[in-house]
Every structure is written in C-alpha cells, then in structure tokens.
Amino acid sequence: MDEKTDLLICLGAATAANCIPCFDYYFKKASAAGIPAEEVRKAVELACKIKTGSGLVMKNGIRDITGQEWEYEQSGDGKTDYPCCKK
C-alpha cells in the first residue's frame, strides 16, 4: 500500500476511534507528505458515515434488548459540513 493511502486510512481510523492525539499525529504526517486538505476531509467524512451507521446499529440493538423506543438527541450545534454532525 502506498504511503498516501496508508495515512488516509489512519486518519479515518483515528476519526472513527474518536482519538484526537492519533488524528493529530497522522494529520501532521499527511501534511508533511503533501496530502491535500480536501482528501483528508473526505477521509474524515467517510469515517463519520461509518460511525453514524454503527451508532444506528447500537441504538437498534439496545431497542431490541430493552423493548423501549427512545428519542436520541444529536450532539453538536449542527453547524458543520460533515454529515455525521449535522442536525
């Protein structure tokens, strides 16, 4: 695997894992390798989509176990370009 792909995967994984120190580390490496900010943003966006899907699976699993329907509020103020954080 080439370095660019490796770093973009690491950035996505750090995003999905909610690990700011990991993201910071790999973002610095990606910047030094000349990876454009737009490509980093796309990796983050994809990770956010995956996180949203896994969150829905958890909510559905909890609903099935408890037999309860709950309203879930989304965190953040919705002022973002990332689909994972929009209201």
C-alpha atoms as a PDB file:
ATOM      1  CA  MET A   1       0.000   0.000   0.000  1.00  0.00           C
ATOM      2  CA  ASP A   2       1.339   3.442  -0.801  1.00  0.00           C
ATOM      3  CA  GLU A   3       2.047   5.982   1.950  1.00  0.00           C
ATOM      4  CA  LYS A   4      -0.799   8.308   0.964  1.00  0.00           C
ATOM      5  CA  THR A   5      -3.422   5.557   1.194  1.00  0.00           C
ATOM      6  CA  ASP A   6      -1.939   4.339   4.456  1.00  0.00           C
ATOM      7  CA  LEU A   7      -2.102   7.815   6.003  1.00  0.00           C
ATOM      8  CA  LEU A   8      -5.662   8.459   4.807  1.00  0.00           C
ATOM      9  CA  ILE A   9      -6.768   5.144   6.328  1.00  0.00           C
ATOM     10  CA  CYS A  10      -5.034   6.073   9.588  1.00  0.00           C
ATOM     11  CA  LEU A  11      -6.819   9.440   9.627  1.00  0.00           C
ATOM     12  CA  GLY A  12     -10.163   7.739   9.046  1.00  0.00           C
ATOM     13  CA  ALA A  13      -9.466   5.171  11.753  1.00  0.00           C
ATOM     14  CA  ALA A  14      -8.438   7.890  14.212  1.00  0.00           C
ATOM     15  CA  THR A  15     -11.670   9.730  13.441  1.00  0.00           C
ATOM     16  CA  ALA A  16     -13.780   6.598  13.904  1.00  0.00           C
ATOM     17  CA  ALA A  17     -11.970   5.848  17.180  1.00  0.00           C
ATOM     18  CA  ASN A  18     -12.501   9.400  18.492  1.00  0.00           C
ATOM     19  CA  CYS A  19      -8.748   9.667  19.060  1.00  0.00           C
ATOM     20  CA  ILE A  20      -7.640  13.289  18.726  1.00  0.00           C
ATOM     21  CA  PRO A  21      -3.969  12.531  19.567  1.00  0.00           C
ATOM     22  CA  CYS A  22      -3.916   9.845  16.842  1.00  0.00           C
ATOM     23  CA  PHE A  23      -5.594  12.170  14.355  1.00  0.00           C
ATOM     24  CA  ASP A  24      -3.139  14.963  15.191  1.00  0.00           C
ATOM     25  CA  TYR A  25      -0.171  12.628  14.742  1.00  0.00           C
ATOM     26  CA  TYR A  26      -1.330  11.295  11.367  1.00  0.00           C
ATOM     27  CA  PHE A  27      -2.528  14.697  10.180  1.00  0.00           C
ATOM     28  CA  LYS A  28       0.981  16.077  10.696  1.00  0.00           C
ATOM     29  CA  LYS A  29       2.424  13.128   8.775  1.00  0.00           C
ATOM     30  CA  ALA A  30      -0.163  13.572   5.994  1.00  0.00           C
ATOM     31  CA  SER A  31       0.588  17.289   5.743  1.00  0.00           C
ATOM     32  CA  ALA A  32       4.320  16.591   5.559  1.00  0.00           C
ATOM     33  CA  ALA A  33       3.627  14.037   2.808  1.00  0.00           C
ATOM     34  CA  GLY A  34       1.739  16.682   0.819  1.00  0.00           C
ATOM     35  CA  ILE A  35      -1.718  15.138   1.097  1.00  0.00           C
ATOM     36  CA  PRO A  36      -4.257  17.854   0.225  1.00  0.00           C
ATOM     37  CA  ALA A  37      -6.698  19.023   2.911  1.00  0.00           C
ATOM     38  CA  GLU A  38      -9.622  18.050   0.660  1.00  0.00           C
ATOM     39  CA  GLU A  39      -8.507  14.413   0.681  1.00  0.00           C
ATOM     40  CA  VAL A  40      -8.146  14.483   4.464  1.00  0.00           C
ATOM     41  CA  ARG A  41     -11.658  15.942   4.696  1.00  0.00           C
ATOM     42  CA  LYS A  42     -13.011  13.117   2.529  1.00  0.00           C
ATOM     43  CA  ALA A  43     -11.361  10.503   4.762  1.00  0.00           C
ATOM     44  CA  VAL A  44     -12.919  12.158   7.823  1.00  0.00           C
ATOM     45  CA  GLU A  45     -16.304  12.324   6.101  1.00  0.00           C
ATOM     46  CA  LEU A  46     -16.212   8.609   5.270  1.00  0.00           C
ATOM     47  CA  ALA A  47     -15.256   7.730   8.842  1.00  0.00           C
ATOM     48  CA  CYS A  48     -18.147   9.847  10.123  1.00  0.00           C
ATOM     49  CA  LYS A  49     -20.564   7.991   7.847  1.00  0.00           C
ATOM     50  CA  ILE A  50     -19.343   4.661   9.215  1.00  0.00           C
ATOM     51  CA  LYS A  51     -19.664   5.924  12.792  1.00  0.00           C
ATOM     52  CA  THR A  52     -23.211   7.077  12.109  1.00  0.00           C
ATOM     53  CA  GLY A  53     -24.116   3.634  10.783  1.00  0.00           C
ATOM     54  CA  SER A  54     -22.582   1.815  13.734  1.00  0.00           C
ATOM     55  CA  GLY A  55     -24.389   4.183  16.103  1.00  0.00           C
ATOM     56  CA  LEU A  56     -27.699   3.271  14.487  1.00  0.00           C
ATOM     57  CA  VAL A  57     -26.898  -0.425  14.862  1.00  0.00           C
ATOM     58  CA  MET A  58     -26.212   0.121  18.584  1.00  0.00           C
ATOM     59  CA  LYS A  59     -29.436   2.088  19.064  1.00  0.00           C
ATOM     60  CA  ASN A  60     -31.445  -0.614  17.289  1.00  0.00           C
ATOM     61  CA  GLY A  61     -29.760  -3.356  19.321  1.00  0.00           C
ATOM     62  CA  ILE A  62     -30.483  -1.535  22.583  1.00  0.00           C
ATOM     63  CA  ARG A  63     -34.092  -1.019  21.479  1.00  0.00           C
ATOM     64  CA  ASP A  64     -34.423  -4.743  20.735  1.00  0.00           C
ATOM     65  CA  ILE A  65     -32.913  -5.764  24.081  1.00  0.00           C
ATOM     66  CA  THR A  66     -34.895  -3.307  26.205  1.00  0.00           C
ATOM     67  CA  GLY A  67     -38.097  -3.263  24.181  1.00  0.00           C
ATOM     68  CA  GLN A  68     -38.071   0.533  24.526  1.00  0.00           C
ATOM     69  CA  GLU A  69     -38.232   3.266  21.902  1.00  0.00           C
ATOM     70  CA  TRP A  70     -36.232   6.327  22.887  1.00  0.00           C
ATOM     71  CA  GLU A  71     -35.657   9.685  21.312  1.00  0.00           C
ATOM     72  CA  TYR A  72     -31.975  10.379  20.787  1.00  0.00           C
ATOM     73  CA  GLU A  73     -30.585  13.872  20.508  1.00  0.00           C
ATOM     74  CA  GLN A  74     -27.659  14.527  18.246  1.00  0.00           C
ATOM     75  CA  SER A  75     -24.641  16.231  19.753  1.00  0.00           C
ATOM     76  CA  GLY A  76     -23.152  19.398  18.349  1.00  0.00           C
ATOM     77  CA  ASP A  77     -24.796  22.525  17.068  1.00  0.00           C
ATOM     78  CA  GLY A  78     -25.281  21.272  13.502  1.00  0.00           C
ATOM     79  CA  LYS A  79     -23.033  23.998  12.065  1.00  0.00           C
ATOM     80  CA  THR A  80     -20.708  21.766  10.099  1.00  0.00           C
ATOM     81  CA  ASP A  81     -20.115  20.415   6.624  1.00  0.00           C
ATOM     82  CA  TYR A  82     -19.681  16.884   7.955  1.00  0.00           C
ATOM     83  CA  PRO A  83     -22.799  14.710   7.540  1.00  0.00           C
ATOM     84  CA  CYS A  84     -22.104  12.911  10.813  1.00  0.00           C
ATOM     85  CA  CYS A  85     -22.633  16.064  12.845  1.00  0.00           C
ATOM     86  CA  LYS A  86     -25.439  17.847  11.002  1.00  0.00           C
ATOM     87  CA  LYS A  87     -28.813  18.159  12.632  1.00  0.00           C
END
